[in-house]
Amino acid sequence: MWRGHELFLEVLPTLITFIPVTLFYFLVPTVISWALGAWICRVRIGKKNLLYYVVSLFVSFFRGTPGLLQLYLVFFGLPKIAELFGYNINTWSAGIFYIIATCFNFSSFVSEAFRGAYLAMNKGQMEAGYAIGFSKLQNFIYVIAPCTLKVALPNLKNLEIDLLKGTATAYVIGLVDVMGRADKFIALHRGYGQLWILMAAGLLYFIINVAVEFSFRGFEGALSKAERG
């Protein structure tokens, strides 16, 4: 007699082996998007020149359209654009297109988290930094960046959780991670027991999510300790 929990236990070890793939497509966009988001934030709190309006349009588009749509646009549209300049990128792996699309999307949200945190910061802290002799760079490293990051962290944590869950859509362009492998299991079993397979995948995403939560708690604690120091 077929039992669902047996299928759960059968697919779980295989899905676990794909956790590094999911983590890769979670961490790489995180690093790139935080850097790009910080630069976008810097532009948007500066003078309203041509670059300001171009970047603002970029942010508005990627915050105002579905992430899945953006993934399809990059996956199908970027090779067409490259062909106009004589380049063939059709041989690129699906993972590259996923990272590009995700970085465009995620950096837009990260930039707004940084911008909101910067605007909420007590400007007296910056003036105090200059008053004790800090240069612009020192003031940014020791005052502006830590204070902005501390205010932005709760929002960034929520964005990171959304980014992690968003990796589950990567299978639609052929990327095989935890969700992609679960989808292949479902196809292999012709839909039988799909609930148990999805439960196995969901358990792994939940465990990763808990790890992300604890990581941010540790980061927040470290920032608070450094501030007290």
Protein backbone atom coordinates (compact mmCIF):
# COMPACT_ATOMS: atom_id res chain seq x y z
CA MET A 1 0.00 0.00 0.00
CA TRP A 2 1.39 3.41 -1.02
CA ARG A 3 2.02 5.82 1.83
CA GLY A 4 2.73 9.52 1.42
CA HIS A 5 5.20 9.77 4.28
CA GLU A 6 7.38 7.15 2.57
CA LEU A 7 7.62 9.39 -0.49
CA PHE A 8 8.41 12.33 1.80
CA LEU A 9 11.32 10.41 3.31
CA GLU A 10 12.42 9.23 -0.13
CA VAL A 11 12.71 12.67 -1.75
CA LEU A 12 13.94 14.65 1.28
CA PRO A 13 17.61 13.48 1.14
CA THR A 14 17.81 14.36 -2.56
CA LEU A 15 16.26 17.78 -2.02
CA ILE A 16 18.76 18.44 0.77
CA THR A 17 21.63 18.05 -1.71
CA PHE A 18 20.20 21.00 -3.67
CA ILE A 19 20.26 23.38 -0.69
CA PRO A 20 23.72 24.73 -1.72
CA VAL A 21 22.25 25.67 -5.12
CA THR A 22 19.40 27.56 -3.48
CA LEU A 23 21.82 29.27 -1.08
CA PHE A 24 24.06 30.28 -3.99
CA TYR A 25 21.19 31.98 -5.82
CA PHE A 26 20.17 33.60 -2.56
CA LEU A 27 23.56 34.87 -1.36
CA VAL A 28 25.05 36.07 -4.66
CA PRO A 29 22.13 38.43 -5.44
CA THR A 30 22.22 39.55 -1.80
CA VAL A 31 25.85 40.70 -1.97
CA ILE A 32 25.50 42.35 -5.38
CA SER A 33 22.16 43.99 -4.54
CA TRP A 34 23.35 45.46 -1.26
CA ALA A 35 26.27 47.11 -3.05
CA LEU A 36 24.13 48.25 -5.99
CA GLY A 37 21.33 49.35 -3.67
CA ALA A 38 23.75 51.47 -1.63
CA TRP A 39 24.95 53.18 -4.82
CA ILE A 40 21.37 53.79 -5.99
CA CYS A 41 20.56 55.23 -2.57
CA ARG A 42 23.54 57.55 -2.83
CA VAL A 43 22.33 58.82 -6.21
CA ARG A 44 18.76 59.34 -5.01
CA ILE A 45 19.72 61.39 -1.97
CA GLY A 46 22.01 63.57 -4.08
CA LYS A 47 21.39 66.27 -6.67
CA LYS A 48 18.48 65.86 -9.08
CA ASN A 49 20.48 65.51 -12.28
CA LEU A 50 19.95 63.22 -15.28
CA LEU A 51 21.39 60.20 -13.43
CA TYR A 52 18.96 60.81 -10.58
CA TYR A 53 15.94 60.60 -12.89
CA VAL A 54 17.29 57.55 -14.75
CA VAL A 55 17.89 55.71 -11.48
CA SER A 56 14.50 56.77 -10.12
CA LEU A 57 12.80 55.35 -13.23
CA PHE A 58 14.81 52.12 -12.78
CA VAL A 59 13.65 51.80 -9.17
CA SER A 60 10.04 52.60 -10.00
CA PHE A 61 9.91 49.99 -12.76
CA PHE A 62 11.46 47.15 -10.78
CA ARG A 63 9.45 47.91 -7.65
CA GLY A 64 6.22 48.31 -9.59
CA THR A 65 6.20 45.18 -11.76
CA PRO A 66 6.00 41.47 -10.77
CA GLY A 67 9.33 39.73 -10.17
CA LEU A 68 8.27 36.77 -12.32
CA LEU A 69 7.56 39.11 -15.23
CA GLN A 70 11.00 40.68 -14.81
CA LEU A 71 12.59 37.23 -14.82
CA TYR A 72 10.90 36.40 -18.12
CA LEU A 73 11.86 39.78 -19.60
CA VAL A 74 15.52 39.25 -18.76
CA PHE A 75 15.56 35.59 -19.78
CA PHE A 76 13.89 36.13 -23.15
CA GLY A 77 14.66 39.80 -23.81
CA LEU A 78 18.32 40.20 -22.85
CA PRO A 79 19.57 37.79 -25.59
CA LYS A 80 17.57 39.79 -28.15
CA ILE A 81 19.14 43.04 -26.98
CA ALA A 82 22.61 41.47 -27.03
CA GLU A 83 22.06 40.35 -30.63
CA LEU A 84 21.56 43.98 -31.66
CA PHE A 85 25.16 44.62 -30.58
CA GLY A 86 26.51 41.46 -32.20
CA TYR A 87 26.72 39.30 -29.09
CA ASN A 88 25.29 35.83 -28.61
CA ILE A 89 24.44 35.08 -24.99
CA ASN A 90 21.97 32.29 -25.66
CA THR A 91 24.54 29.83 -24.31
CA TRP A 92 24.48 31.45 -20.88
CA SER A 93 23.12 29.27 -18.11
CA ALA A 94 19.68 30.01 -16.67
CA GLY A 95 21.37 30.89 -13.39
CA ILE A 96 23.08 33.95 -14.88
CA PHE A 97 19.79 35.35 -16.15
CA TYR A 98 18.19 34.65 -12.78
CA ILE A 99 20.94 36.53 -10.93
CA ILE A 100 20.69 39.52 -13.28
CA ALA A 101 16.90 39.75 -12.98
CA THR A 102 16.99 39.25 -9.21
CA CYS A 103 19.69 41.86 -8.68
CA PHE A 104 17.71 44.42 -10.69
CA ASN A 105 14.63 43.74 -8.61
CA PHE A 106 16.18 43.30 -5.20
CA SER A 107 18.58 46.26 -5.41
CA SER A 108 15.59 48.54 -6.04
CA PHE A 109 13.98 47.50 -2.77
CA VAL A 110 17.29 47.57 -0.88
CA SER A 111 17.97 51.11 -2.10
CA GLU A 112 14.64 52.27 -0.71
CA ALA A 113 15.35 50.59 2.62
CA PHE A 114 18.70 52.38 2.81
CA ARG A 115 17.23 55.70 1.66
CA GLY A 116 14.43 55.59 4.22
CA ALA A 117 16.89 54.73 6.98
CA TYR A 118 19.26 57.53 5.95
CA LEU A 119 16.48 60.13 5.87
CA ALA A 120 15.30 58.98 9.32
CA MET A 121 18.78 59.30 10.82
CA ASN A 122 19.46 62.09 13.29
CA LYS A 123 21.54 64.58 11.31
CA GLY A 124 23.10 65.75 14.56
CA GLN A 125 25.09 62.52 14.61
CA MET A 126 26.74 63.41 11.30
CA GLU A 127 27.53 66.90 12.55
CA ALA A 128 29.02 65.41 15.71
CA GLY A 129 31.31 63.25 13.57
CA TYR A 130 32.64 66.27 11.73
CA ALA A 131 32.92 68.16 15.01
CA ILE A 132 35.41 65.63 16.40
CA GLY A 133 37.53 65.85 13.26
CA PHE A 134 36.26 63.00 11.05
CA SER A 135 36.80 63.30 7.33
CA LYS A 136 33.89 62.57 4.95
CA LEU A 137 35.09 59.00 4.53
CA GLN A 138 35.58 58.47 8.27
CA ASN A 139 32.19 59.99 9.00
CA PHE A 140 30.59 57.61 6.51
CA ILE A 141 32.39 54.53 7.89
CA TYR A 142 32.00 55.25 11.60
CA VAL A 143 28.75 57.24 11.75
CA ILE A 144 26.52 57.24 8.67
CA ALA A 145 26.87 53.60 7.57
CA PRO A 146 26.36 51.99 11.03
CA CYS A 147 23.42 54.23 11.92
CA THR A 148 21.73 53.79 8.54
CA LEU A 149 22.27 50.04 8.59
CA LYS A 150 20.86 49.69 12.10
CA VAL A 151 17.64 51.48 11.14
CA ALA A 152 17.36 49.58 7.85
CA LEU A 153 17.99 46.09 9.26
CA PRO A 154 14.39 45.14 10.15
CA ASN A 155 13.25 46.07 6.64
CA LEU A 156 16.26 44.35 5.07
CA LYS A 157 15.51 41.18 7.01
CA ASN A 158 12.00 41.06 5.55
CA LEU A 159 13.40 41.71 2.07
CA GLU A 160 15.92 38.89 2.48
CA ILE A 161 13.16 36.48 3.48
CA ASP A 162 11.20 37.49 0.38
CA LEU A 163 14.33 36.98 -1.72
CA LEU A 164 14.79 33.49 -0.30
CA LYS A 165 11.20 32.57 -1.08
CA GLY A 166 11.59 34.10 -4.52
CA THR A 167 14.27 31.56 -5.45
CA ALA A 168 11.43 29.05 -5.71
CA THR A 169 10.37 30.72 -8.99
CA ALA A 170 13.73 30.09 -10.66
CA TYR A 171 12.64 26.67 -11.88
CA VAL A 172 10.35 28.30 -14.46
CA ILE A 173 13.41 29.12 -16.59
CA GLY A 174 15.05 25.74 -16.04
CA LEU A 175 17.15 26.41 -12.94
CA VAL A 176 17.27 23.30 -10.75
CA ASP A 177 17.44 24.12 -7.06
CA VAL A 178 15.35 22.74 -4.19
CA MET A 179 12.06 23.77 -5.81
CA GLY A 180 13.25 22.85 -9.28
CA ARG A 181 14.17 19.34 -8.14
CA ALA A 182 10.86 19.00 -6.30
CA ASP A 183 9.06 19.92 -9.51
CA LYS A 184 10.97 17.21 -11.36
CA PHE A 185 9.99 14.69 -8.68
CA ILE A 186 6.34 15.68 -9.13
CA ALA A 187 6.62 15.22 -12.91
CA LEU A 188 8.38 11.87 -12.42
CA HIS A 189 5.55 10.60 -10.22
CA ARG A 190 2.97 12.12 -12.60
CA GLY A 191 1.48 14.23 -9.84
CA TYR A 192 0.96 11.40 -7.36
CA GLY A 193 2.02 12.40 -3.88
CA GLN A 194 2.84 15.95 -4.94
CA LEU A 195 1.62 17.31 -1.61
CA TRP A 196 4.24 15.25 0.26
CA ILE A 197 6.97 16.36 -2.15
CA LEU A 198 5.98 20.00 -1.73
CA MET A 199 5.93 19.53 2.05
CA ALA A 200 9.52 18.24 1.91
CA ALA A 201 10.59 21.29 -0.12
CA GLY A 202 8.66 23.60 2.20
CA LEU A 203 10.39 22.15 5.25
CA LEU A 204 13.82 22.93 3.78
CA TYR A 205 12.83 26.50 2.87
CA PHE A 206 11.50 26.97 6.39
CA ILE A 207 14.77 25.74 7.93
CA ILE A 208 16.81 28.10 5.73
CA ASN A 209 14.46 30.93 6.65
CA VAL A 210 15.01 30.27 10.36
CA ALA A 211 18.77 30.42 9.75
CA VAL A 212 18.35 33.79 8.03
CA GLU A 213 16.28 35.07 10.98
CA PHE A 214 18.96 34.05 13.48
CA SER A 215 21.70 35.55 11.31
CA PHE A 216 19.99 38.93 11.34
CA ARG A 217 19.43 38.74 15.07
CA GLY A 218 23.14 38.13 15.52
CA PHE A 219 23.94 41.00 13.18
CA GLU A 220 21.62 43.34 15.08
CA GLY A 221 23.22 42.28 18.35
CA ALA A 222 26.70 42.91 16.99
CA LEU A 223 25.72 46.39 15.79
CA SER A 224 24.20 47.24 19.17
CA LYS A 225 27.30 46.00 20.96
CA ALA A 226 29.56 48.03 18.68
CA GLU A 227 27.41 51.12 19.23
CA ARG A 228 27.64 50.74 23.01
CA GLY A 229 31.39 50.26 22.68
